[in-house]
PDB file of N, CA and C in Angstrom:
ATOM      1  N   MET A   1       0.793  -0.955  -0.071  1.00  0.00           N
ATOM      2  CA  MET A   1      -0.265   0.045  -0.026  1.00  0.00           C
ATOM      3  C   MET A   1       0.588   1.493  -0.153  1.00  0.00           C
ATOM      4  N   LEU A   2       0.691   2.333  -0.882  1.00  0.00           N
ATOM      5  CA  LEU A   2       0.995   3.592  -1.271  1.00  0.00           C
ATOM      6  C   LEU A   2       0.738   4.498  -0.109  1.00  0.00           C
ATOM      7  N   SER A   3       1.956   5.362   0.561  1.00  0.00           N
ATOM      8  CA  SER A   3       1.288   5.738   1.992  1.00  0.00           C
ATOM      9  C   SER A   3       1.542   7.257   1.131  1.00  0.00           C
ATOM     10  N   LYS A   4       3.087   7.276   0.927  1.00  0.00           N
ATOM     11  CA  LYS A   4       3.314   8.832   0.643  1.00  0.00           C
ATOM     12  C   LYS A   4       4.706   8.545  -0.774  1.00  0.00           C
ATOM     13  N   PRO A   5       4.086   8.837  -1.756  1.00  0.00           N
ATOM     14  CA  PRO A   5       2.619   9.654  -2.072  1.00  0.00           C
ATOM     15  C   PRO A   5       2.008   8.492  -2.437  1.00  0.00           C
ATOM     16  N   ASN A   6       0.846   9.581  -2.626  1.00  0.00           N
ATOM     17  CA  ASN A   6      -0.763   8.165  -2.391  1.00  0.00           C
ATOM     18  C   ASN A   6      -1.040   8.236  -3.644  1.00  0.00           C
ATOM     19  N   VAL A   7      -2.135   7.330  -4.244  1.00  0.00           N
ATOM     20  CA  VAL A   7      -2.616   7.422  -5.409  1.00  0.00           C
ATOM     21  C   VAL A   7      -3.164   8.585  -6.006  1.00  0.00           C
ATOM     22  N   LYS A   8      -4.074   9.596  -5.348  1.00  0.00           N
ATOM     23  CA  LYS A   8      -4.489  10.758  -5.467  1.00  0.00           C
ATOM     24  C   LYS A   8      -3.236  11.779  -5.902  1.00  0.00           C
ATOM     25  N   GLU A   9      -2.177  11.209  -5.718  1.00  0.00           N
ATOM     26  CA  GLU A   9      -1.064  12.224  -5.999  1.00  0.00           C
ATOM     27  C   GLU A   9      -0.534  12.062  -7.673  1.00  0.00           C
ATOM     28  N   ILE A  10      -0.849  10.492  -8.010  1.00  0.00           N
ATOM     29  CA  ILE A  10      -0.640   9.890  -8.678  1.00  0.00           C
ATOM     30  C   ILE A  10      -1.189  10.010 -10.140  1.00  0.00           C
ATOM     31  N   ILE A  11      -2.366  10.018  -9.914  1.00  0.00           N
ATOM     32  CA  ILE A  11      -3.557   9.948 -10.848  1.00  0.00           C
ATOM     33  C   ILE A  11      -3.764  10.905 -11.621  1.00  0.00           C
ATOM     34  N   PRO A  12      -3.469  11.969 -11.177  1.00  0.00           N
ATOM     35  CA  PRO A  12      -3.634  13.436 -12.343  1.00  0.00           C
ATOM     36  C   PRO A  12      -2.153  13.541 -13.228  1.00  0.00           C
ATOM     37  N   ARG A  13      -1.006  12.854 -13.081  1.00  0.00           N
ATOM     38  CA  ARG A  13      -0.157  12.761 -13.658  1.00  0.00           C
ATOM     39  C   ARG A  13       0.357  11.395 -14.845  1.00  0.00           C
ATOM     40  N   VAL A  14      -1.049  10.872 -14.699  1.00  0.00           N
ATOM     41  CA  VAL A  14      -1.252   9.544 -15.632  1.00  0.00           C
ATOM     42  C   VAL A  14      -2.632   9.208 -16.303  1.00  0.00           C
ATOM     43  N   GLY A  15      -3.923   9.537 -15.692  1.00  0.00           N
ATOM     44  CA  GLY A  15      -5.142   9.821 -15.954  1.00  0.00           C
ATOM     45  C   GLY A  15      -6.542   9.246 -15.295  1.00  0.00           C
ATOM     46  N   ASN A  16      -6.098   8.003 -14.741  1.00  0.00           N
ATOM     47  CA  ASN A  16      -6.752   7.151 -14.019  1.00  0.00           C
ATOM     48  C   ASN A  16      -6.144   6.270 -13.373  1.00  0.00           C
ATOM     49  N   ARG A  17      -6.795   5.283 -12.458  1.00  0.00           N
ATOM     50  CA  ARG A  17      -6.645   4.400 -11.237  1.00  0.00           C
ATOM     51  C   ARG A  17      -5.720   3.190 -12.260  1.00  0.00           C
ATOM     52  N   TYR A  18      -6.182   2.717 -13.062  1.00  0.00           N
ATOM     53  CA  TYR A  18      -5.674   1.563 -14.082  1.00  0.00           C
ATOM     54  C   TYR A  18      -4.727   1.808 -14.572  1.00  0.00           C
ATOM     55  N   GLN A  19      -4.086   3.247 -15.083  1.00  0.00           N
ATOM     56  CA  GLN A  19      -3.103   3.519 -15.930  1.00  0.00           C
ATOM     57  C   GLN A  19      -2.211   3.447 -14.612  1.00  0.00           C
ATOM     58  N   SER A  20      -2.461   4.215 -13.707  1.00  0.00           N
ATOM     59  CA  SER A  20      -1.693   4.305 -12.659  1.00  0.00           C
ATOM     60  C   SER A  20      -0.677   3.312 -12.215  1.00  0.00           C
ATOM     61  N   VAL A  21      -1.842   2.210 -11.748  1.00  0.00           N
ATOM     62  CA  VAL A  21      -1.495   1.014 -11.435  1.00  0.00           C
ATOM     63  C   VAL A  21      -0.119   0.475 -12.479  1.00  0.00           C
ATOM     64  N   LEU A  22      -0.562   0.039 -13.953  1.00  0.00           N
ATOM     65  CA  LEU A  22       0.231   0.186 -14.913  1.00  0.00           C
ATOM     66  C   LEU A  22       1.417   0.949 -14.868  1.00  0.00           C
ATOM     67  N   ALA A  23       1.609   1.910 -15.185  1.00  0.00           N
ATOM     68  CA  ALA A  23       3.144   2.931 -14.775  1.00  0.00           C
ATOM     69  C   ALA A  23       3.481   2.127 -13.514  1.00  0.00           C
ATOM     70  N   LEU A  24       2.764   2.347 -12.540  1.00  0.00           N
ATOM     71  CA  LEU A  24       3.855   1.951 -11.185  1.00  0.00           C
ATOM     72  C   LEU A  24       4.613   0.592 -11.797  1.00  0.00           C
ATOM     73  N   ALA A  25       3.520  -0.545 -11.516  1.00  0.00           N
ATOM     74  CA  ALA A  25       4.144  -1.468 -12.040  1.00  0.00           C
ATOM     75  C   ALA A  25       5.445  -2.118 -12.964  1.00  0.00           C
ATOM     76  N   LYS A  26       5.414  -0.746 -14.170  1.00  0.00           N
ATOM     77  CA  LYS A  26       6.306  -1.218 -15.304  1.00  0.00           C
ATOM     78  C   LYS A  26       7.403  -0.437 -14.883  1.00  0.00           C
ATOM     79  N   ARG A  27       7.657   0.619 -14.019  1.00  0.00           N
ATOM     80  CA  ARG A  27       8.286   1.453 -13.509  1.00  0.00           C
ATOM     81  C   ARG A  27       8.923   0.627 -12.415  1.00  0.00           C
ATOM     82  N   ALA A  28       8.381  -0.307 -11.634  1.00  0.00           N
ATOM     83  CA  ALA A  28       9.105  -0.682 -10.412  1.00  0.00           C
ATOM     84  C   ALA A  28       9.948  -2.152 -10.789  1.00  0.00           C
ATOM     85  N   ARG A  29       9.010  -2.790 -12.053  1.00  0.00           N
ATOM     86  CA  ARG A  29      10.175  -3.715 -12.618  1.00  0.00           C
ATOM     87  C   ARG A  29      11.346  -3.173 -13.279  1.00  0.00           C
ATOM     88  N   GLN A  30      11.327  -1.773 -13.807  1.00  0.00           N
ATOM     89  CA  GLN A  30      12.491  -1.753 -14.370  1.00  0.00           C
ATOM     90  C   GLN A  30      13.873  -0.874 -13.155  1.00  0.00           C
ATOM     91  N   ILE A  31      13.197  -0.698 -11.813  1.00  0.00           N
ATOM     92  CA  ILE A  31      14.378  -0.388 -10.740  1.00  0.00           C
ATOM     93  C   ILE A  31      14.549  -1.610  -9.995  1.00  0.00           C
ATOM     94  N   GLU A  32      13.298  -2.323 -10.173  1.00  0.00           N
ATOM     95  CA  GLU A  32      14.165  -3.716  -9.658  1.00  0.00           C
ATOM     96  C   GLU A  32      15.288  -4.695 -10.696  1.00  0.00           C
ATOM     97  N   ALA A  33      15.103  -4.525 -11.327  1.00  0.00           N
ATOM     98  CA  ALA A  33      15.705  -4.948 -12.701  1.00  0.00           C
ATOM     99  C   ALA A  33      17.348  -4.178 -12.716  1.00  0.00           C
ATOM    100  N   ASP A  34      17.530  -2.633 -12.565  1.00  0.00           N
ATOM    101  CA  ASP A  34      18.186  -2.228 -12.399  1.00  0.00           C
ATOM    102  C   ASP A  34      19.170  -2.422 -10.896  1.00  0.00           C
ATOM    103  N   ARG A  35      18.704  -2.994 -10.100  1.00  0.00           N
ATOM    104  CA  ARG A  35      19.140  -3.603  -8.689  1.00  0.00           C
ATOM    105  C   ARG A  35      19.954  -4.795  -8.925  1.00  0.00           C
ATOM    106  N   LEU A  36      19.137  -5.199  -9.514  1.00  0.00           N
ATOM    107  CA  LEU A  36      19.710  -6.581  -9.385  1.00  0.00           C
ATOM    108  C   LEU A  36      20.936  -6.622 -10.209  1.00  0.00           C
ATOM    109  N   VAL A  37      21.027  -5.668 -11.710  1.00  0.00           N
ATOM    110  CA  VAL A  37      22.136  -5.558 -12.418  1.00  0.00           C
ATOM    111  C   VAL A  37      23.101  -5.092 -11.650  1.00  0.00           C
ATOM    112  N   LYS A  38      22.807  -3.767 -10.927  1.00  0.00           N
ATOM    113  CA  LYS A  38      23.980  -3.611 -10.247  1.00  0.00           C
ATOM    114  C   LYS A  38      24.757  -4.429  -9.429  1.00  0.00           C
ATOM    115  N   ILE A  39      23.692  -5.402  -8.453  1.00  0.00           N
ATOM    116  CA  ILE A  39      24.350  -5.833  -7.514  1.00  0.00           C
ATOM    117  C   ILE A  39      25.174  -7.157  -8.173  1.00  0.00           C
ATOM    118  N   ALA A  40      24.776  -7.782  -9.089  1.00  0.00           N
ATOM    119  CA  ALA A  40      25.610  -8.305 -10.148  1.00  0.00           C
ATOM    120  C   ALA A  40      26.625  -8.233 -10.652  1.00  0.00           C
ATOM    121  N   GLU A  41      26.853  -7.007 -11.146  1.00  0.00           N
ATOM    122  CA  GLU A  41      28.463  -6.042 -11.351  1.00  0.00           C
ATOM    123  C   GLU A  41      28.980  -6.163  -9.764  1.00  0.00           C
ATOM    124  N   LEU A  42      28.426  -5.999  -9.025  1.00  0.00           N
ATOM    125  CA  LEU A  42      29.253  -5.827  -7.930  1.00  0.00           C
ATOM    126  C   LEU A  42      29.591  -6.977  -7.356  1.00  0.00           C
ATOM    127  N   LYS A  43      29.411  -7.888  -7.685  1.00  0.00           N
ATOM    128  CA  LYS A  43      29.408  -9.775  -7.727  1.00  0.00           C
ATOM    129  C   LYS A  43      30.884  -9.859  -8.217  1.00  0.00           C
ATOM    130  N   GLU A  44      30.501  -9.723  -9.605  1.00  0.00           N
ATOM    131  CA  GLU A  44      31.532 -10.028 -10.548  1.00  0.00           C
ATOM    132  C   GLU A  44      32.524  -8.998 -10.379  1.00  0.00           C
ATOM    133  N   LYS A  45      32.728  -8.426  -9.831  1.00  0.00           N
ATOM    134  CA  LYS A  45      34.146  -7.631  -9.682  1.00  0.00           C
ATOM    135  C   LYS A  45      34.500  -8.241  -7.857  1.00  0.00           C
ATOM    136  N   ASN A  46      34.151  -8.903  -7.355  1.00  0.00           N
ATOM    137  CA  ASN A  46      34.529  -9.875  -6.119  1.00  0.00           C
ATOM    138  C   ASN A  46      34.090  -8.747  -5.079  1.00  0.00           C
ATOM    139  N   LYS A  47      33.369  -7.512  -4.892  1.00  0.00           N
ATOM    140  CA  LYS A  47      33.859  -6.424  -4.208  1.00  0.00           C
ATOM    141  C   LYS A  47      32.320  -7.250  -2.685  1.00  0.00           C
ATOM    142  N   ASP A  48      32.980  -6.911  -1.724  1.00  0.00           N
ATOM    143  CA  ASP A  48      32.589  -6.878  -0.658  1.00  0.00           C
ATOM    144  C   ASP A  48      30.735  -6.219  -0.533  1.00  0.00           C
ATOM    145  N   LEU A  49      30.014  -6.981  -0.954  1.00  0.00           N
ATOM    146  CA  LEU A  49      28.929  -6.582  -0.582  1.00  0.00           C
ATOM    147  C   LEU A  49      27.709  -5.826   0.518  1.00  0.00           C
ATOM    148  N   LYS A  50      28.476  -5.956   1.422  1.00  0.00           N
ATOM    149  CA  LYS A  50      27.702  -5.463   2.620  1.00  0.00           C
ATOM    150  C   LYS A  50      27.684  -4.133   2.829  1.00  0.00           C
ATOM    151  N   ASP A  51      28.618  -3.359   2.513  1.00  0.00           N
ATOM    152  CA  ASP A  51      28.581  -2.103   2.161  1.00  0.00           C
ATOM    153  C   ASP A  51      27.804  -1.653   1.138  1.00  0.00           C
ATOM    154  N   GLU A  52      28.303  -1.921   0.276  1.00  0.00           N
ATOM    155  CA  GLU A  52      27.917  -1.016  -1.031  1.00  0.00           C
ATOM    156  C   GLU A  52      26.307  -1.222  -1.637  1.00  0.00           C
ATOM    157  N   ALA A  53      26.108  -2.701  -1.278  1.00  0.00           N
ATOM    158  CA  ALA A  53      24.626  -3.319  -1.955  1.00  0.00           C
ATOM    159  C   ALA A  53      23.344  -2.403  -0.895  1.00  0.00           C
ATOM    160  N   LYS A  54      23.576  -2.193  -0.194  1.00  0.00           N
ATOM    161  CA  LYS A  54      23.011  -1.835   0.801  1.00  0.00           C
ATOM    162  C   LYS A  54      22.373  -0.364   0.415  1.00  0.00           C
ATOM    163  N   GLU A  55      22.873   0.073  -0.429  1.00  0.00           N
ATOM    164  CA  GLU A  55      22.862   1.656  -0.899  1.00  0.00           C
ATOM    165  C   GLU A  55      21.661   1.354  -1.933  1.00  0.00           C
ATOM    166  N   PHE A  56      21.614  -0.112  -2.363  1.00  0.00           N
ATOM    167  CA  PHE A  56      20.440  -0.692  -3.141  1.00  0.00           C
ATOM    168  C   PHE A  56      19.063  -1.461  -2.699  1.00  0.00           C
ATOM    169  N   VAL A  57      19.273  -1.237  -1.807  1.00  0.00           N
ATOM    170  CA  VAL A  57      17.954  -1.623  -0.621  1.00  0.00           C
ATOM    171  C   VAL A  57      16.672  -0.442  -1.197  1.00  0.00           C
ATOM    172  N   TYR A  58      15.831  -0.970  -1.561  1.00  0.00           N
ATOM    173  CA  TYR A  58      15.270   0.071  -1.659  1.00  0.00           C
ATOM    174  C   TYR A  58      13.371  -0.838  -1.800  1.00  0.00           C
ATOM    175  N   ASP A  59      12.253   0.032  -1.963  1.00  0.00           N
ATOM    176  CA  ASP A  59      11.019  -0.923  -2.133  1.00  0.00           C
ATOM    177  C   ASP A  59      10.961  -0.171  -3.616  1.00  0.00           C
ATOM    178  N   ALA A  60      10.723  -1.460  -4.499  1.00  0.00           N
ATOM    179  CA  ALA A  60      10.794  -0.890  -5.676  1.00  0.00           C
ATOM    180  C   ALA A  60       9.565   0.037  -6.368  1.00  0.00           C
ATOM    181  N   VAL A  61       8.254  -0.241  -5.725  1.00  0.00           N
ATOM    182  CA  VAL A  61       6.870   0.589  -5.866  1.00  0.00           C
ATOM    183  C   VAL A  61       7.053   1.712  -5.664  1.00  0.00           C
ATOM    184  N   ASN A  62       7.310   1.803  -4.077  1.00  0.00           N
ATOM    185  CA  ASN A  62       7.652   3.637  -3.657  1.00  0.00           C
ATOM    186  C   ASN A  62       8.339   4.305  -4.073  1.00  0.00           C
ATOM    187  N   LYS A  63       9.578   3.903  -4.907  1.00  0.00           N
ATOM    188  CA  LYS A  63      10.526   4.599  -5.468  1.00  0.00           C
ATOM    189  C   LYS A  63       9.593   5.352  -6.910  1.00  0.00           C
ATOM    190  N   ALA A  64       9.138   3.927  -7.785  1.00  0.00           N
ATOM    191  CA  ALA A  64       8.343   4.005  -8.681  1.00  0.00           C
ATOM    192  C   ALA A  64       7.414   5.249  -8.509  1.00  0.00           C
ATOM    193  N   ALA A  65       6.504   4.916  -7.378  1.00  0.00           N
ATOM    194  CA  ALA A  65       5.391   6.417  -6.976  1.00  0.00           C
ATOM    195  C   ALA A  65       6.175   7.366  -6.913  1.00  0.00           C
ATOM    196  N   GLU A  66       7.010   7.714  -5.816  1.00  0.00           N
ATOM    197  CA  GLU A  66       7.901   8.711  -5.675  1.00  0.00           C
ATOM    198  C   GLU A  66       8.086   9.678  -7.467  1.00  0.00           C
ATOM    199  N   GLU A  67       8.697   8.615  -8.198  1.00  0.00           N
ATOM    200  CA  GLU A  67       9.233   9.367  -9.596  1.00  0.00           C
ATOM    201  C   GLU A  67       7.913   9.578  -9.901  1.00  0.00           C
ATOM    202  N   ILE A  68       6.971   9.088 -10.350  1.00  0.00           N
ATOM    203  CA  ILE A  68       5.605   9.686 -10.941  1.00  0.00           C
ATOM    204  C   ILE A  68       5.297  10.785 -10.412  1.00  0.00           C
ATOM    205  N   ALA A  69       5.124  10.990  -9.079  1.00  0.00           N
ATOM    206  CA  ALA A  69       4.654  12.033  -8.711  1.00  0.00           C
ATOM    207  C   ALA A  69       5.253  13.389  -8.511  1.00  0.00           C
ATOM    208  N   ASP A  70       6.193  13.224  -8.580  1.00  0.00           N
ATOM    209  CA  ASP A  70       7.486  13.932  -8.803  1.00  0.00           C
ATOM    210  C   ASP A  70       7.596  14.773  -9.999  1.00  0.00           C
ATOM    211  N   GLY A  71       6.888  14.137 -10.991  1.00  0.00           N
ATOM    212  CA  GLY A  71       7.244  14.340 -12.623  1.00  0.00           C
ATOM    213  C   GLY A  71       8.744  14.517 -13.034  1.00  0.00           C
ATOM    214  N   LYS A  72       9.346  12.885 -12.745  1.00  0.00           N
ATOM    215  CA  LYS A  72      10.381  12.169 -12.879  1.00  0.00           C
ATOM    216  C   LYS A  72      10.384  11.390 -14.555  1.00  0.00           C
ATOM    217  N   ILE A  73       9.095  10.877 -14.451  1.00  0.00           N
ATOM    218  CA  ILE A  73       8.835   9.919 -15.210  1.00  0.00           C
ATOM    219  C   ILE A  73       7.489  10.698 -15.983  1.00  0.00           C
ATOM    220  N   TYR A  74       7.938  10.515 -16.932  1.00  0.00           N
ATOM    221  CA  TYR A  74       6.579  10.739 -18.363  1.00  0.00           C
ATOM    222  C   TYR A  74       5.861   9.599 -18.381  1.00  0.00           C
ATOM    223  N   ILE A  75       4.528   9.450 -18.638  1.00  0.00           N
ATOM    224  CA  ILE A  75       3.953   8.113 -18.972  1.00  0.00           C
ATOM    225  C   ILE A  75       3.266   8.686 -20.118  1.00  0.00           C
ATOM    226  N   LYS A  76       3.709   7.395 -21.375  1.00  0.00           N
ATOM    227  CA  LYS A  76       3.045   7.130 -22.830  1.00  0.00           C
ATOM    228  C   LYS A  76       1.992   6.755 -22.664  1.00  0.00           C
ATOM    229  N   ILE A  77       0.484   7.175 -22.970  1.00  0.00           N
ATOM    230  CA  ILE A  77      -0.346   6.084 -23.237  1.00  0.00           C
ATOM    231  C   ILE A  77      -1.086   5.933 -25.007  1.00  0.00           C
ATOM    232  N   ASN A  78      -0.657   5.056 -25.890  1.00  0.00           N
ATOM    233  CA  ASN A  78      -0.780   4.938 -26.808  1.00  0.00           C
ATOM    234  C   ASN A  78       0.041   6.172 -27.513  1.00  0.00           C
ATOM    235  N   GLY A  79       1.067   5.852 -27.091  1.00  0.00           N
ATOM    236  CA  GLY A  79       2.106   6.653 -27.994  1.00  0.00           C
ATOM    237  C   GLY A  79       2.371   8.615 -27.629  1.00  0.00           C
ATOM    238  N   GLU A  80       1.310   8.822 -26.822  1.00  0.00           N
ATOM    239  CA  GLU A  80       1.160  10.146 -26.019  1.00  0.00           C
ATOM    240  C   GLU A  80       1.156  10.503 -24.637  1.00  0.00           C
ATOM    241  N   TYR A  81       1.951  11.456 -24.697  1.00  0.00           N
ATOM    242  CA  TYR A  81       2.108  11.797 -22.982  1.00  0.00           C
ATOM    243  C   TYR A  81       1.080  12.077 -22.689  1.00  0.00           C
ATOM    244  N   THR A  82       1.021  11.484 -21.224  1.00  0.00           N
ATOM    245  CA  THR A  82      -0.146  12.175 -20.689  1.00  0.00           C
ATOM    246  C   THR A  82       0.055  13.472 -19.827  1.00  0.00           C
ATOM    247  N   ILE A  83       1.041  14.094 -19.629  1.00  0.00           N
ATOM    248  CA  ILE A  83       1.322  14.987 -19.491  1.00  0.00           C
ATOM    249  C   ILE A  83       3.190  15.151 -19.995  1.00  0.00           C
ATOM    250  N   THR A  84       2.791  16.686 -21.151  1.00  0.00           N
ATOM    251  CA  THR A  84       4.052  17.052 -21.739  1.00  0.00           C
ATOM    252  C   THR A  84       5.135  17.073 -20.814  1.00  0.00           C
ATOM    253  N   PRO A  85       6.393  16.318 -21.223  1.00  0.00           N
ATOM    254  CA  PRO A  85       7.266  16.577 -20.743  1.00  0.00           C
ATOM    255  C   PRO A  85       7.926  18.020 -20.915  1.00  0.00           C
ATOM    256  N   GLU A  86       8.723  19.048 -19.771  1.00  0.00           N
ATOM    257  CA  GLU A  86       9.301  19.892 -19.998  1.00  0.00           C
ATOM    258  C   GLU A  86      10.840  20.181 -20.114  1.00  0.00           C
ATOM    259  N   SER A  87      10.916  20.698 -21.149  1.00  0.00           N
ATOM    260  CA  SER A  87      12.604  21.074 -21.431  1.00  0.00           C
ATOM    261  C   SER A  87      13.218  21.485 -20.257  1.00  0.00           C
ATOM    262  N   GLU A  88      14.435  21.166 -20.010  1.00  0.00           N
ATOM    263  CA  GLU A  88      15.357  21.685 -18.901  1.00  0.00           C
ATOM    264  C   GLU A  88      15.065  23.495 -19.064  1.00  0.00           C
ATOM    265  N   MET A  89      14.961  24.010 -19.977  1.00  0.00           N
ATOM    266  CA  MET A  89      15.216  25.642 -20.225  1.00  0.00           C
ATOM    267  C   MET A  89      13.860  25.733 -19.717  1.00  0.00           C
ATOM    268  N   GLU A  90      12.390  25.138 -20.388  1.00  0.00           N
ATOM    269  CA  GLU A  90      11.153  25.663 -19.399  1.00  0.00           C
ATOM    270  C   GLU A  90      10.871  25.527 -17.793  1.00  0.00           C
ATOM    271  N   LYS A  91      11.665  24.752 -17.539  1.00  0.00           N
ATOM    272  CA  LYS A  91      11.676  24.842 -15.998  1.00  0.00           C
ATOM    273  C   LYS A  91      12.417  25.516 -15.590  1.00  0.00           C
ATOM    274  N   GLU A  92      13.942  26.374 -16.024  1.00  0.00           N
ATOM    275  CA  GLU A  92      14.360  27.154 -15.637  1.00  0.00           C
ATOM    276  C   GLU A  92      13.367  28.379 -15.899  1.00  0.00           C
ATOM    277  N   ILE A  93      12.646  28.610 -16.696  1.00  0.00           N
ATOM    278  CA  ILE A  93      11.889  30.182 -17.060  1.00  0.00           C
ATOM    279  C   ILE A  93      10.760  30.385 -15.911  1.00  0.00           C
ATOM    280  N   ARG A  94      10.199  28.931 -16.138  1.00  0.00           N
ATOM    281  CA  ARG A  94       8.939  29.101 -15.253  1.00  0.00           C
ATOM    282  C   ARG A  94       9.499  29.650 -13.529  1.00  0.00           C
ATOM    283  N   LYS A  95      10.316  28.997 -13.336  1.00  0.00           N
ATOM    284  CA  LYS A  95      10.794  28.786 -12.236  1.00  0.00           C
ATOM    285  C   LYS A  95      11.456  30.464 -11.818  1.00  0.00           C
ATOM    286  N   ALA A  96      12.342  30.859 -12.770  1.00  0.00           N
ATOM    287  CA  ALA A  96      12.305  32.145 -12.360  1.00  0.00           C
ATOM    288  C   ALA A  96      11.204  32.996 -12.639  1.00  0.00           C
ATOM    289  N   GLN A  97      10.169  32.635 -13.252  1.00  0.00           N
ATOM    290  CA  GLN A  97       9.339  33.515 -13.173  1.00  0.00           C
ATOM    291  C   GLN A  97       8.579  33.503 -11.819  1.00  0.00           C
ATOM    292  N   GLU A  98       8.468  32.417 -11.636  1.00  0.00           N
ATOM    293  CA  GLU A  98       7.834  32.181 -10.297  1.00  0.00           C
ATOM    294  C   GLU A  98       8.351  32.962  -9.448  1.00  0.00           C
ATOM    295  N   GLU A  99       9.717  33.074  -8.675  1.00  0.00           N
ATOM    296  CA  GLU A  99      10.480  33.785  -8.053  1.00  0.00           C
ATOM    297  C   GLU A  99      10.378  35.332  -8.502  1.00  0.00           C
ATOM    298  N   ALA A 100      10.246  35.647  -9.622  1.00  0.00           N
ATOM    299  CA  ALA A 100      10.180  37.263  -9.708  1.00  0.00           C
ATOM    300  C   ALA A 100       8.629  37.858  -9.457  1.00  0.00           C
ATOM    301  N   GLY A 101       7.587  36.633  -9.134  1.00  0.00           N
ATOM    302  CA  GLY A 101       6.249  37.176  -9.262  1.00  0.00           C
ATOM    303  C   GLY A 101       5.414  37.493 -10.714  1.00  0.00           C
ATOM    304  N   ILE A 102       6.297  37.125 -11.627  1.00  0.00           N
ATOM    305  CA  ILE A 102       5.660  37.203 -12.983  1.00  0.00           C
ATOM    306  C   ILE A 102       4.610  35.743 -13.361  1.00  0.00           C
ATOM    307  N   ARG A 103       3.206  36.102 -13.846  1.00  0.00           N
ATOM    308  CA  ARG A 103       2.593  35.399 -14.596  1.00  0.00           C
ATOM    309  C   ARG A 103       2.876  34.853 -15.729  1.00  0.00           C
ATOM    310  N   PRO A 104       3.359  33.532 -15.837  1.00  0.00           N
ATOM    311  CA  PRO A 104       3.635  32.841 -17.132  1.00  0.00           C
ATOM    312  C   PRO A 104       2.606  33.169 -17.975  1.00  0.00           C
ATOM    313  N   GLU A 105       2.917  33.463 -19.660  1.00  0.00           N
ATOM    314  CA  GLU A 105       1.997  33.790 -20.515  1.00  0.00           C
ATOM    315  C   GLU A 105       1.472  32.131 -21.226  1.00  0.00           C
ATOM    316  N   SER A 106      -0.074  32.998 -21.586  1.00  0.00           N
ATOM    317  CA  SER A 106      -0.564  31.544 -21.767  1.00  0.00           C
ATOM    318  C   SER A 106      -0.359  31.293 -23.381  1.00  0.00           C
ATOM    319  N   LYS A 107      -0.599  29.824 -23.342  1.00  0.00           N
ATOM    320  CA  LYS A 107       0.003  29.555 -24.975  1.00  0.00           C
ATOM    321  C   LYS A 107      -1.316  29.019 -25.873  1.00  0.00           C
ATOM    322  N   GLU A 108      -2.008  29.896 -25.435  1.00  0.00           N
ATOM    323  CA  GLU A 108      -3.174  30.102 -26.868  1.00  0.00           C
ATOM    324  C   GLU A 108      -2.861  30.577 -28.030  1.00  0.00           C
TER     325      GLU A 108
END
């Protein structure tokens, strides 16, 4: 069960509960696969896993939920993003406008 962020924070970024669950599951599988690869690389190098493997211990579902809620992951459904990713420049411009108290121009 997700406590923070909860499903209500994820749905606006994805669309509905069903798509949210699919997106969370897909991203969690990717995170877990990455974790297993990193641990295998450490084993291959014959390194002591006790210290270095600790950083790879986490709940993949919670990490996936945090990434989606924070806007770090963008979801595509039928080839289209549910929320259009902002470029780094757009993010910087928006942040500067907010700090200066300027309302952003509408894109109509």
